């Protein structure tokens, strides 16, 4: 798999949860400003960069072939973890002590803490952290295989902003819930496949 395709796959897979969030917000008329979107996408990009630098530093201490396999395994494991997320959420649905990140991923509307139907800067920070978790694996993998950490981080940030804005528009105007429900599965599958192709 070429470096460009890997970067694109990581950018999309890391941000498919954004599509689910955007659709949910669009359907429920919860609005976010351009700076809130910028905050969320910047956190995703920064998370990707930090994970990428960490992965790149790791290659100094382990053989290149082993590092590549390690990165692929991390991607596949995170993919499986994401695929199992709906099942985990169902098991914990009745628990009242779920952490903020889990609650936001379960129901994105929870991030609107003050119920104002708009996302404030503070709410954007929390939402950005919750949505950036998938980017950790992608950034780490990019650093390990040396495909360009900065480019990957930039692609993830752009995909984050674009998918959130587009999906919110779709949700508001077309009330499309189908993709929102399947976004988690698609993201997990993409992350897993990127890992598989890395090994091949």
N, C-alpha and C. Protein backbone atom coordinates (compact mmCIF):
# COMPACT_ATOMS: atom_id res chain seq x y z
N UNK A 1 0.86 -1.20 0.00
CA UNK A 1 0.00 0.00 0.00
C UNK A 1 0.89 1.23 0.00
N UNK A 2 0.67 2.14 -0.94
CA UNK A 2 1.53 3.32 -1.04
C UNK A 2 1.33 4.25 0.14
N UNK A 3 2.32 5.13 0.32
CA UNK A 3 2.25 6.05 1.43
C UNK A 3 1.05 6.98 1.37
N UNK A 4 0.74 7.46 0.16
CA UNK A 4 -0.39 8.38 0.00
C UNK A 4 -1.70 7.70 0.37
N UNK A 5 -1.89 6.47 -0.12
CA UNK A 5 -3.11 5.74 0.19
C UNK A 5 -3.21 5.44 1.69
N UNK A 6 -2.07 5.14 2.30
CA UNK A 6 -2.06 4.87 3.74
C UNK A 6 -2.47 6.11 4.53
N UNK A 7 -1.92 7.26 4.13
CA UNK A 7 -2.27 8.52 4.80
C UNK A 7 -3.76 8.80 4.66
N UNK A 8 -4.30 8.62 3.45
CA UNK A 8 -5.72 8.86 3.22
C UNK A 8 -6.59 7.91 4.04
N UNK A 9 -6.19 6.63 4.06
CA UNK A 9 -6.96 5.64 4.82
C UNK A 9 -6.95 5.96 6.31
N UNK A 10 -5.78 6.35 6.82
CA UNK A 10 -5.69 6.71 8.24
C UNK A 10 -6.54 7.94 8.53
N UNK A 11 -6.48 8.94 7.65
CA UNK A 11 -7.25 10.17 7.85
C UNK A 11 -8.74 9.89 7.90
N UNK A 12 -9.21 9.04 6.99
CA UNK A 12 -10.65 8.73 6.95
C UNK A 12 -11.05 7.87 8.13
N UNK A 13 -10.27 6.80 8.37
CA UNK A 13 -10.62 5.88 9.46
C UNK A 13 -10.59 6.57 10.82
N UNK A 14 -9.67 7.50 10.99
CA UNK A 14 -9.54 8.19 12.27
C UNK A 14 -10.70 9.15 12.55
N UNK A 15 -11.45 9.46 11.50
CA UNK A 15 -12.47 10.51 11.64
C UNK A 15 -13.89 10.08 11.29
N UNK A 16 -14.12 8.81 11.06
CA UNK A 16 -15.48 8.39 10.72
C UNK A 16 -16.44 8.59 11.88
N UNK A 17 -15.92 8.56 13.10
CA UNK A 17 -16.78 8.87 14.25
C UNK A 17 -17.30 10.31 14.15
N UNK A 18 -16.49 11.19 13.54
CA UNK A 18 -16.92 12.57 13.34
C UNK A 18 -18.19 12.64 12.50
N UNK A 19 -18.27 11.74 11.52
CA UNK A 19 -19.45 11.71 10.66
C UNK A 19 -20.69 11.35 11.47
N UNK A 20 -20.55 10.37 12.35
CA UNK A 20 -21.67 9.99 13.20
C UNK A 20 -22.08 11.13 14.12
N UNK A 21 -21.08 11.83 14.67
CA UNK A 21 -21.35 12.97 15.56
C UNK A 21 -22.03 14.10 14.78
N UNK A 22 -21.48 14.40 13.61
CA UNK A 22 -22.04 15.48 12.80
C UNK A 22 -23.49 15.23 12.41
N UNK A 23 -23.79 13.99 12.01
CA UNK A 23 -25.16 13.65 11.65
C UNK A 23 -26.09 13.79 12.85
N UNK A 24 -25.62 13.30 14.01
CA UNK A 24 -26.43 13.41 15.23
C UNK A 24 -26.72 14.87 15.57
N UNK A 25 -25.70 15.72 15.42
CA UNK A 25 -25.89 17.14 15.71
C UNK A 25 -26.81 17.80 14.69
N UNK A 26 -26.64 17.43 13.43
CA UNK A 26 -27.49 18.00 12.39
C UNK A 26 -28.95 17.65 12.59
N UNK A 27 -29.20 16.38 12.90
CA UNK A 27 -30.57 15.91 13.11
C UNK A 27 -31.21 16.64 14.28
N UNK A 28 -30.43 16.87 15.35
CA UNK A 28 -30.98 17.48 16.56
C UNK A 28 -30.76 18.99 16.63
N UNK A 29 -30.32 19.55 15.50
CA UNK A 29 -30.16 21.01 15.39
C UNK A 29 -29.20 21.58 16.43
N UNK A 30 -28.15 20.84 16.71
CA UNK A 30 -27.09 21.34 17.59
C UNK A 30 -26.00 21.93 16.70
N UNK A 31 -25.71 23.20 16.87
CA UNK A 31 -24.80 23.89 15.97
C UNK A 31 -23.42 24.08 16.60
N UNK A 32 -22.41 24.09 15.74
CA UNK A 32 -21.05 24.39 16.20
C UNK A 32 -20.44 25.39 15.22
N UNK A 33 -19.68 26.32 15.76
CA UNK A 33 -19.08 27.37 14.94
C UNK A 33 -17.82 26.86 14.26
N UNK A 34 -17.27 27.68 13.38
CA UNK A 34 -16.06 27.28 12.67
C UNK A 34 -14.89 27.11 13.63
N UNK A 35 -14.86 27.94 14.69
CA UNK A 35 -13.74 27.82 15.64
C UNK A 35 -13.89 26.58 16.52
N UNK A 36 -15.13 26.15 16.77
CA UNK A 36 -15.32 24.90 17.51
C UNK A 36 -14.84 23.73 16.66
N UNK A 37 -15.17 23.77 15.36
CA UNK A 37 -14.70 22.73 14.44
C UNK A 37 -13.18 22.77 14.33
N UNK A 38 -12.62 23.98 14.29
CA UNK A 38 -11.16 24.13 14.22
C UNK A 38 -10.50 23.56 15.47
N UNK A 39 -11.11 23.78 16.63
CA UNK A 39 -10.59 23.24 17.88
C UNK A 39 -10.57 21.73 17.86
N UNK A 40 -11.67 21.14 17.43
CA UNK A 40 -11.80 19.68 17.39
C UNK A 40 -10.79 19.08 16.41
N UNK A 41 -10.68 19.67 15.22
CA UNK A 41 -9.77 19.13 14.21
C UNK A 41 -8.31 19.33 14.62
N UNK A 42 -8.01 20.44 15.30
CA UNK A 42 -6.64 20.69 15.76
C UNK A 42 -6.21 19.65 16.79
N UNK A 43 -7.13 19.28 17.68
CA UNK A 43 -6.83 18.26 18.68
C UNK A 43 -6.55 16.93 18.00
N UNK A 44 -7.34 16.59 16.98
CA UNK A 44 -7.11 15.34 16.24
C UNK A 44 -5.76 15.35 15.55
N UNK A 45 -5.43 16.49 14.92
CA UNK A 45 -4.14 16.60 14.24
C UNK A 45 -2.97 16.53 15.22
N UNK A 46 -3.10 17.22 16.36
CA UNK A 46 -2.04 17.21 17.37
C UNK A 46 -1.86 15.82 17.97
N UNK A 47 -2.96 15.14 18.22
CA UNK A 47 -2.90 13.78 18.76
C UNK A 47 -2.18 12.86 17.78
N UNK A 48 -2.51 13.00 16.50
CA UNK A 48 -1.86 12.20 15.46
C UNK A 48 -0.37 12.47 15.42
N UNK A 49 0.01 13.75 15.51
CA UNK A 49 1.42 14.12 15.45
C UNK A 49 2.20 13.56 16.63
N UNK A 50 1.65 13.70 17.83
CA UNK A 50 2.33 13.20 19.03
C UNK A 50 2.50 11.68 18.96
N UNK A 51 1.45 10.99 18.54
CA UNK A 51 1.53 9.53 18.41
C UNK A 51 2.53 9.15 17.33
N UNK A 52 2.58 9.94 16.25
CA UNK A 52 3.52 9.67 15.17
C UNK A 52 4.96 9.84 15.59
N UNK A 53 5.24 10.91 16.32
CA UNK A 53 6.60 11.15 16.83
C UNK A 53 7.01 10.02 17.77
N UNK A 54 6.07 9.57 18.59
CA UNK A 54 6.34 8.45 19.50
C UNK A 54 6.68 7.19 18.73
N UNK A 55 5.89 6.91 17.70
CA UNK A 55 6.15 5.73 16.87
C UNK A 55 7.48 5.81 16.15
N UNK A 56 7.80 7.00 15.64
CA UNK A 56 9.07 7.21 14.94
C UNK A 56 10.25 7.03 15.88
N UNK A 57 10.12 7.53 17.11
CA UNK A 57 11.20 7.39 18.10
C UNK A 57 11.42 5.93 18.46
N UNK A 58 10.34 5.16 18.46
CA UNK A 58 10.44 3.75 18.82
C UNK A 58 11.29 2.98 17.82
N UNK A 59 11.27 3.40 16.55
CA UNK A 59 12.02 2.68 15.52
C UNK A 59 13.53 2.81 15.71
N UNK A 60 13.96 3.73 16.55
CA UNK A 60 15.40 3.86 16.82
C UNK A 60 15.91 2.73 17.70
N UNK A 61 15.00 2.07 18.39
CA UNK A 61 15.40 1.06 19.36
C UNK A 61 15.00 -0.36 18.97
N UNK A 62 14.22 -0.50 17.92
CA UNK A 62 13.80 -1.83 17.47
C UNK A 62 14.07 -1.95 15.98
N UNK A 63 14.31 -3.17 15.47
CA UNK A 63 14.54 -3.37 14.04
C UNK A 63 13.38 -2.86 13.20
N UNK A 64 13.69 -2.36 12.00
CA UNK A 64 12.66 -1.79 11.13
C UNK A 64 11.54 -2.75 10.80
N UNK A 65 11.89 -4.01 10.50
CA UNK A 65 10.86 -4.99 10.13
C UNK A 65 9.93 -5.28 11.31
N UNK A 66 10.51 -5.37 12.51
CA UNK A 66 9.69 -5.62 13.70
C UNK A 66 8.79 -4.43 13.99
N UNK A 67 9.34 -3.22 13.82
CA UNK A 67 8.55 -2.01 14.07
C UNK A 67 7.36 -1.93 13.12
N UNK A 68 7.59 -2.31 11.86
CA UNK A 68 6.51 -2.28 10.88
C UNK A 68 5.39 -3.24 11.26
N UNK A 69 5.79 -4.45 11.68
CA UNK A 69 4.80 -5.45 12.10
C UNK A 69 4.08 -4.98 13.36
N UNK A 70 4.83 -4.37 14.28
CA UNK A 70 4.23 -3.85 15.51
C UNK A 70 3.17 -2.79 15.19
N UNK A 71 3.51 -1.88 14.29
CA UNK A 71 2.56 -0.85 13.90
C UNK A 71 1.31 -1.43 13.28
N UNK A 72 1.49 -2.46 12.44
CA UNK A 72 0.35 -3.11 11.81
C UNK A 72 -0.53 -3.80 12.84
N UNK A 73 0.11 -4.46 13.81
CA UNK A 73 -0.66 -5.15 14.86
C UNK A 73 -1.45 -4.15 15.70
N UNK A 74 -0.81 -3.01 16.02
CA UNK A 74 -1.51 -1.97 16.78
C UNK A 74 -2.74 -1.49 16.01
N UNK A 75 -2.59 -1.26 14.70
CA UNK A 75 -3.71 -0.81 13.88
C UNK A 75 -4.84 -1.84 13.90
N UNK A 76 -4.48 -3.12 13.76
CA UNK A 76 -5.51 -4.17 13.72
C UNK A 76 -6.21 -4.31 15.07
N UNK A 77 -5.44 -4.22 16.15
CA UNK A 77 -6.04 -4.33 17.49
C UNK A 77 -6.98 -3.17 17.77
N UNK A 78 -6.56 -1.96 17.38
CA UNK A 78 -7.44 -0.81 17.57
C UNK A 78 -8.69 -0.94 16.70
N UNK A 79 -8.50 -1.48 15.47
CA UNK A 79 -9.64 -1.71 14.60
C UNK A 79 -10.65 -2.66 15.23
N UNK A 80 -10.15 -3.74 15.82
CA UNK A 80 -11.02 -4.70 16.51
C UNK A 80 -11.70 -4.03 17.70
N UNK A 81 -10.93 -3.23 18.44
CA UNK A 81 -11.47 -2.52 19.61
C UNK A 81 -12.62 -1.60 19.20
N UNK A 82 -12.42 -0.88 18.09
CA UNK A 82 -13.47 0.02 17.60
C UNK A 82 -14.69 -0.76 17.13
N UNK A 83 -14.44 -1.89 16.46
CA UNK A 83 -15.56 -2.73 15.99
C UNK A 83 -16.41 -3.23 17.15
N UNK A 84 -15.75 -3.50 18.28
CA UNK A 84 -16.47 -4.02 19.45
C UNK A 84 -17.09 -2.91 20.30
N UNK A 85 -16.84 -1.66 19.93
CA UNK A 85 -17.32 -0.54 20.74
C UNK A 85 -18.83 -0.54 20.96
N UNK A 86 -19.65 -0.76 19.90
CA UNK A 86 -21.11 -0.79 20.14
C UNK A 86 -21.52 -1.87 21.12
N UNK A 87 -20.84 -3.02 21.08
CA UNK A 87 -21.16 -4.11 22.00
C UNK A 87 -20.81 -3.72 23.43
N UNK A 88 -19.64 -3.04 23.60
CA UNK A 88 -19.24 -2.60 24.93
C UNK A 88 -20.21 -1.55 25.46
N UNK A 89 -20.63 -0.65 24.58
CA UNK A 89 -21.56 0.40 25.00
C UNK A 89 -22.89 -0.19 25.45
N UNK A 90 -23.31 -1.24 24.75
CA UNK A 90 -24.58 -1.87 25.12
C UNK A 90 -24.49 -2.48 26.50
N UNK A 91 -23.34 -3.07 26.82
CA UNK A 91 -23.15 -3.70 28.13
C UNK A 91 -23.09 -2.66 29.24
N UNK A 92 -22.59 -1.47 28.91
CA UNK A 92 -22.43 -0.45 29.95
C UNK A 92 -23.53 0.61 29.91
N UNK A 93 -24.53 0.39 29.09
CA UNK A 93 -25.56 1.40 28.88
C UNK A 93 -26.29 1.76 30.16
N UNK A 94 -26.45 0.78 31.04
CA UNK A 94 -27.21 1.02 32.26
C UNK A 94 -26.34 1.56 33.40
N UNK A 95 -25.03 1.63 33.17
CA UNK A 95 -24.13 2.10 34.23
C UNK A 95 -24.14 3.62 34.26
N UNK A 96 -24.31 4.17 35.45
CA UNK A 96 -24.36 5.62 35.57
C UNK A 96 -22.98 6.23 35.79
N UNK A 97 -21.97 5.38 36.05
CA UNK A 97 -20.64 5.90 36.36
C UNK A 97 -19.72 5.88 35.15
N UNK A 98 -20.28 5.83 33.94
CA UNK A 98 -19.45 5.85 32.75
C UNK A 98 -18.74 7.20 32.65
N UNK A 99 -17.48 7.19 32.17
CA UNK A 99 -16.74 8.44 32.08
C UNK A 99 -17.28 9.32 30.96
N UNK A 100 -16.83 10.56 30.94
CA UNK A 100 -17.35 11.55 30.00
C UNK A 100 -17.11 11.13 28.56
N UNK A 101 -15.89 10.63 28.27
CA UNK A 101 -15.56 10.22 26.91
C UNK A 101 -16.49 9.12 26.43
N UNK A 102 -16.70 8.11 27.28
CA UNK A 102 -17.59 7.01 26.93
C UNK A 102 -19.01 7.51 26.67
N UNK A 103 -19.48 8.41 27.51
CA UNK A 103 -20.83 8.94 27.35
C UNK A 103 -20.97 9.74 26.06
N UNK A 104 -19.93 10.49 25.70
CA UNK A 104 -19.98 11.27 24.46
C UNK A 104 -19.98 10.36 23.25
N UNK A 105 -19.13 9.32 23.26
CA UNK A 105 -19.08 8.40 22.14
C UNK A 105 -20.38 7.61 22.03
N UNK A 106 -21.03 7.37 23.15
CA UNK A 106 -22.31 6.66 23.14
C UNK A 106 -23.41 7.56 22.60
N UNK A 107 -23.40 8.82 23.03
CA UNK A 107 -24.40 9.78 22.59
C UNK A 107 -23.74 11.15 22.46
N UNK A 108 -23.38 11.56 21.22
CA UNK A 108 -22.66 12.81 21.00
C UNK A 108 -23.35 14.04 21.59
N UNK A 109 -24.66 13.99 21.72
CA UNK A 109 -25.41 15.13 22.26
C UNK A 109 -25.00 15.41 23.70
N UNK A 110 -24.44 14.41 24.38
CA UNK A 110 -23.99 14.59 25.77
C UNK A 110 -22.93 15.68 25.87
N UNK A 111 -22.18 15.91 24.79
CA UNK A 111 -21.12 16.93 24.80
C UNK A 111 -21.68 18.33 24.94
N UNK A 112 -22.96 18.51 24.62
CA UNK A 112 -23.60 19.81 24.81
C UNK A 112 -24.04 19.92 26.27
N UNK A 113 -23.07 20.15 27.15
CA UNK A 113 -23.30 20.09 28.59
C UNK A 113 -24.40 21.04 29.07
N UNK A 114 -24.41 22.26 28.50
CA UNK A 114 -25.37 23.25 28.98
C UNK A 114 -26.70 23.22 28.24
N UNK A 115 -26.86 22.25 27.34
CA UNK A 115 -28.12 22.07 26.60
C UNK A 115 -28.52 23.34 25.84
N UNK A 116 -27.50 24.04 25.32
CA UNK A 116 -27.76 25.30 24.62
C UNK A 116 -27.99 25.10 23.13
N UNK A 117 -27.86 23.86 22.65
CA UNK A 117 -27.98 23.53 21.23
C UNK A 117 -26.87 24.18 20.40
N UNK A 118 -25.75 24.47 21.06
CA UNK A 118 -24.55 24.95 20.38
C UNK A 118 -23.34 24.48 21.18
N UNK A 119 -22.24 24.26 20.48
CA UNK A 119 -21.03 23.72 21.12
C UNK A 119 -20.09 24.87 21.47
N UNK A 120 -19.84 25.05 22.76
CA UNK A 120 -18.93 26.10 23.23
C UNK A 120 -17.48 25.64 23.10
N UNK A 121 -16.55 26.54 23.42
CA UNK A 121 -15.13 26.20 23.34
C UNK A 121 -14.79 25.05 24.28
N UNK A 122 -15.28 25.13 25.52
CA UNK A 122 -15.01 24.07 26.50
C UNK A 122 -15.58 22.74 26.02
N UNK A 123 -16.78 22.77 25.49
CA UNK A 123 -17.41 21.54 24.99
C UNK A 123 -16.66 21.01 23.79
N UNK A 124 -16.14 21.92 22.95
CA UNK A 124 -15.36 21.50 21.78
C UNK A 124 -14.07 20.81 22.21
N UNK A 125 -13.45 21.29 23.28
CA UNK A 125 -12.23 20.65 23.80
C UNK A 125 -12.50 19.21 24.22
N UNK A 126 -13.58 19.02 24.98
CA UNK A 126 -13.92 17.67 25.46
C UNK A 126 -14.28 16.78 24.28
N UNK A 127 -15.08 17.30 23.36
CA UNK A 127 -15.47 16.53 22.19
C UNK A 127 -14.27 16.19 21.32
N UNK A 128 -13.33 17.15 21.20
CA UNK A 128 -12.13 16.91 20.42
C UNK A 128 -11.28 15.78 20.97
N UNK A 129 -11.14 15.73 22.29
CA UNK A 129 -10.39 14.65 22.94
C UNK A 129 -11.07 13.31 22.69
N UNK A 130 -12.39 13.28 22.83
CA UNK A 130 -13.13 12.03 22.63
C UNK A 130 -12.99 11.53 21.19
N UNK A 131 -13.04 12.45 20.23
CA UNK A 131 -13.00 12.06 18.82
C UNK A 131 -11.58 11.78 18.32
N UNK A 132 -10.57 12.18 19.09
CA UNK A 132 -9.19 12.02 18.63
C UNK A 132 -8.59 10.66 19.00
N UNK A 133 -9.31 9.86 19.75
CA UNK A 133 -8.74 8.60 20.24
C UNK A 133 -8.35 7.66 19.11
N UNK A 134 -9.19 7.59 18.05
CA UNK A 134 -8.86 6.73 16.92
C UNK A 134 -7.58 7.19 16.21
N UNK A 135 -7.28 8.49 16.31
CA UNK A 135 -6.11 9.04 15.64
C UNK A 135 -4.80 8.57 16.28
N UNK A 136 -4.86 8.12 17.52
CA UNK A 136 -3.65 7.64 18.19
C UNK A 136 -2.99 6.50 17.43
N UNK A 137 -3.79 5.51 17.06
CA UNK A 137 -3.25 4.34 16.36
C UNK A 137 -2.73 4.73 14.99
N UNK A 138 -3.48 5.57 14.28
CA UNK A 138 -3.05 5.98 12.95
C UNK A 138 -1.75 6.76 12.98
N UNK A 139 -1.63 7.68 13.92
CA UNK A 139 -0.40 8.45 14.04
C UNK A 139 0.78 7.58 14.43
N UNK A 140 0.56 6.66 15.36
CA UNK A 140 1.62 5.75 15.80
C UNK A 140 2.11 4.92 14.62
N UNK A 141 1.17 4.41 13.82
CA UNK A 141 1.53 3.60 12.66
C UNK A 141 2.30 4.43 11.64
N UNK A 142 1.87 5.66 11.40
CA UNK A 142 2.55 6.53 10.45
C UNK A 142 4.00 6.78 10.88
N UNK A 143 4.21 6.96 12.17
CA UNK A 143 5.56 7.18 12.67
C UNK A 143 6.44 5.96 12.52
N UNK A 144 5.87 4.78 12.75
CA UNK A 144 6.65 3.55 12.68
C UNK A 144 7.08 3.23 11.25
N UNK A 145 6.19 3.44 10.28
CA UNK A 145 6.52 3.09 8.89
C UNK A 145 7.10 4.28 8.12
N UNK A 146 7.27 5.42 8.82
CA UNK A 146 7.90 6.61 8.23
C UNK A 146 7.22 7.07 6.94
N UNK A 147 5.92 7.28 7.01
CA UNK A 147 5.20 7.74 5.82
C UNK A 147 4.92 9.25 5.87
N UNK A 148 5.44 9.91 6.86
CA UNK A 148 5.26 11.36 6.95
C UNK A 148 4.29 11.75 8.04
N UNK A 149 4.82 11.95 9.23
CA UNK A 149 3.97 12.24 10.39
C UNK A 149 3.24 13.57 10.22
N UNK A 150 3.94 14.58 9.73
CA UNK A 150 3.33 15.90 9.57
C UNK A 150 2.19 15.85 8.55
N UNK A 151 2.45 15.18 7.42
CA UNK A 151 1.41 15.06 6.39
C UNK A 151 0.21 14.27 6.91
N UNK A 152 0.49 13.23 7.67
CA UNK A 152 -0.60 12.42 8.23
C UNK A 152 -1.42 13.24 9.21
N UNK A 153 -0.74 13.98 10.08
CA UNK A 153 -1.44 14.82 11.06
C UNK A 153 -2.29 15.88 10.36
N UNK A 154 -1.74 16.49 9.31
CA UNK A 154 -2.49 17.50 8.56
C UNK A 154 -3.71 16.88 7.88
N UNK A 155 -3.52 15.69 7.30
CA UNK A 155 -4.63 15.00 6.63
C UNK A 155 -5.73 14.64 7.61
N UNK A 156 -5.33 14.18 8.79
CA UNK A 156 -6.31 13.82 9.83
C UNK A 156 -7.09 15.06 10.27
N UNK A 157 -6.39 16.18 10.46
CA UNK A 157 -7.06 17.42 10.88
C UNK A 157 -8.04 17.91 9.82
N UNK A 158 -7.63 17.87 8.56
CA UNK A 158 -8.51 18.30 7.47
C UNK A 158 -9.72 17.39 7.33
N UNK A 159 -9.48 16.08 7.43
CA UNK A 159 -10.59 15.13 7.34
C UNK A 159 -11.55 15.30 8.50
N UNK A 160 -11.01 15.61 9.68
CA UNK A 160 -11.85 15.84 10.85
C UNK A 160 -12.80 17.00 10.62
N UNK A 161 -12.25 18.13 10.18
CA UNK A 161 -13.07 19.32 9.95
C UNK A 161 -14.07 19.10 8.83
N UNK A 162 -13.60 18.49 7.74
CA UNK A 162 -14.47 18.28 6.59
C UNK A 162 -15.62 17.33 6.86
N UNK A 163 -15.31 16.20 7.48
CA UNK A 163 -16.36 15.21 7.76
C UNK A 163 -17.38 15.72 8.76
N UNK A 164 -16.91 16.45 9.76
CA UNK A 164 -17.84 16.98 10.77
C UNK A 164 -18.80 17.99 10.14
N UNK A 165 -18.25 18.88 9.33
CA UNK A 165 -19.08 19.91 8.69
C UNK A 165 -20.06 19.29 7.69
N UNK A 166 -19.56 18.40 6.84
CA UNK A 166 -20.40 17.78 5.81
C UNK A 166 -21.50 16.93 6.42
N UNK A 167 -21.13 16.12 7.40
CA UNK A 167 -22.12 15.21 8.00
C UNK A 167 -23.19 15.98 8.78
N UNK A 168 -22.80 17.11 9.40
CA UNK A 168 -23.79 17.94 10.10
C UNK A 168 -24.80 18.50 9.11
N UNK A 169 -24.31 18.91 7.95
CA UNK A 169 -25.21 19.43 6.90
C UNK A 169 -26.16 18.33 6.43
N UNK A 170 -25.61 17.14 6.20
CA UNK A 170 -26.44 16.01 5.76
C UNK A 170 -27.48 15.66 6.82
N UNK A 171 -27.03 15.63 8.07
CA UNK A 171 -27.96 15.30 9.15
C UNK A 171 -29.08 16.30 9.28
N UNK A 172 -28.74 17.58 9.12
CA UNK A 172 -29.74 18.63 9.28
C UNK A 172 -30.73 18.67 8.12
N UNK A 173 -30.23 18.44 6.90
CA UNK A 173 -31.08 18.60 5.73
C UNK A 173 -31.70 17.30 5.22
N UNK A 174 -31.06 16.19 5.52
CA UNK A 174 -31.58 14.92 4.99
C UNK A 174 -31.88 13.90 6.08
N UNK A 175 -31.54 14.25 7.32
CA UNK A 175 -31.83 13.38 8.47
C UNK A 175 -31.36 11.96 8.21
N UNK A 176 -30.13 11.83 7.70
CA UNK A 176 -29.60 10.50 7.38
C UNK A 176 -28.97 9.88 8.61
N UNK A 177 -29.64 8.92 9.20
CA UNK A 177 -29.15 8.26 10.41
C UNK A 177 -28.40 6.97 10.10
N UNK A 178 -28.53 6.48 8.89
CA UNK A 178 -27.98 5.17 8.56
C UNK A 178 -26.47 5.14 8.71
N UNK A 179 -25.78 6.12 8.10
CA UNK A 179 -24.32 6.14 8.16
C UNK A 179 -23.84 6.39 9.58
N UNK A 180 -24.57 7.23 10.30
CA UNK A 180 -24.19 7.51 11.68
C UNK A 180 -24.13 6.26 12.52
N UNK A 181 -25.04 5.35 12.31
CA UNK A 181 -25.07 4.11 13.07
C UNK A 181 -23.95 3.17 12.64
N UNK A 182 -23.56 3.27 11.38
CA UNK A 182 -22.56 2.33 10.86
C UNK A 182 -21.15 2.89 10.86
N UNK A 183 -21.00 4.17 11.20
CA UNK A 183 -19.69 4.81 11.13
C UNK A 183 -18.65 4.10 11.98
N UNK A 184 -19.03 3.66 13.17
CA UNK A 184 -18.09 2.98 14.06
C UNK A 184 -17.59 1.69 13.43
N UNK A 185 -18.49 0.92 12.84
CA UNK A 185 -18.10 -0.34 12.21
C UNK A 185 -17.16 -0.08 11.03
N UNK A 186 -17.48 0.92 10.21
CA UNK A 186 -16.64 1.23 9.05
C UNK A 186 -15.26 1.69 9.49
N UNK A 187 -15.20 2.53 10.52
CA UNK A 187 -13.91 3.01 11.03
C UNK A 187 -13.06 1.85 11.54
N UNK A 188 -13.66 0.97 12.32
CA UNK A 188 -12.93 -0.19 12.84
C UNK A 188 -12.41 -1.08 11.74
N UNK A 189 -13.26 -1.33 10.73
CA UNK A 189 -12.86 -2.18 9.61
C UNK A 189 -11.72 -1.55 8.82
N UNK A 190 -11.79 -0.24 8.59
CA UNK A 190 -10.72 0.44 7.86
C UNK A 190 -9.39 0.38 8.60
N UNK A 191 -9.42 0.64 9.90
CA UNK A 191 -8.19 0.57 10.69
C UNK A 191 -7.59 -0.83 10.64
N UNK A 192 -8.45 -1.85 10.75
CA UNK A 192 -7.99 -3.23 10.71
C UNK A 192 -7.36 -3.54 9.35
N UNK A 193 -8.01 -3.10 8.26
CA UNK A 193 -7.50 -3.38 6.91
C UNK A 193 -6.19 -2.67 6.64
N UNK A 194 -6.04 -1.45 7.16
CA UNK A 194 -4.76 -0.75 7.00
C UNK A 194 -3.65 -1.56 7.65
N UNK A 195 -3.92 -2.11 8.82
CA UNK A 195 -2.94 -2.97 9.49
C UNK A 195 -2.60 -4.20 8.69
N UNK A 196 -3.61 -4.84 8.11
CA UNK A 196 -3.40 -6.04 7.29
C UNK A 196 -2.52 -5.71 6.09
N UNK A 197 -2.83 -4.62 5.38
CA UNK A 197 -2.04 -4.24 4.20
C UNK A 197 -0.62 -3.85 4.57
N UNK A 198 -0.43 -3.34 5.78
CA UNK A 198 0.93 -2.99 6.22
C UNK A 198 1.81 -4.23 6.28
N UNK A 199 1.23 -5.34 6.77
CA UNK A 199 1.99 -6.58 6.89
C UNK A 199 2.31 -7.14 5.51
N UNK A 200 1.36 -7.06 4.60
CA UNK A 200 1.59 -7.56 3.25
C UNK A 200 2.53 -6.66 2.46
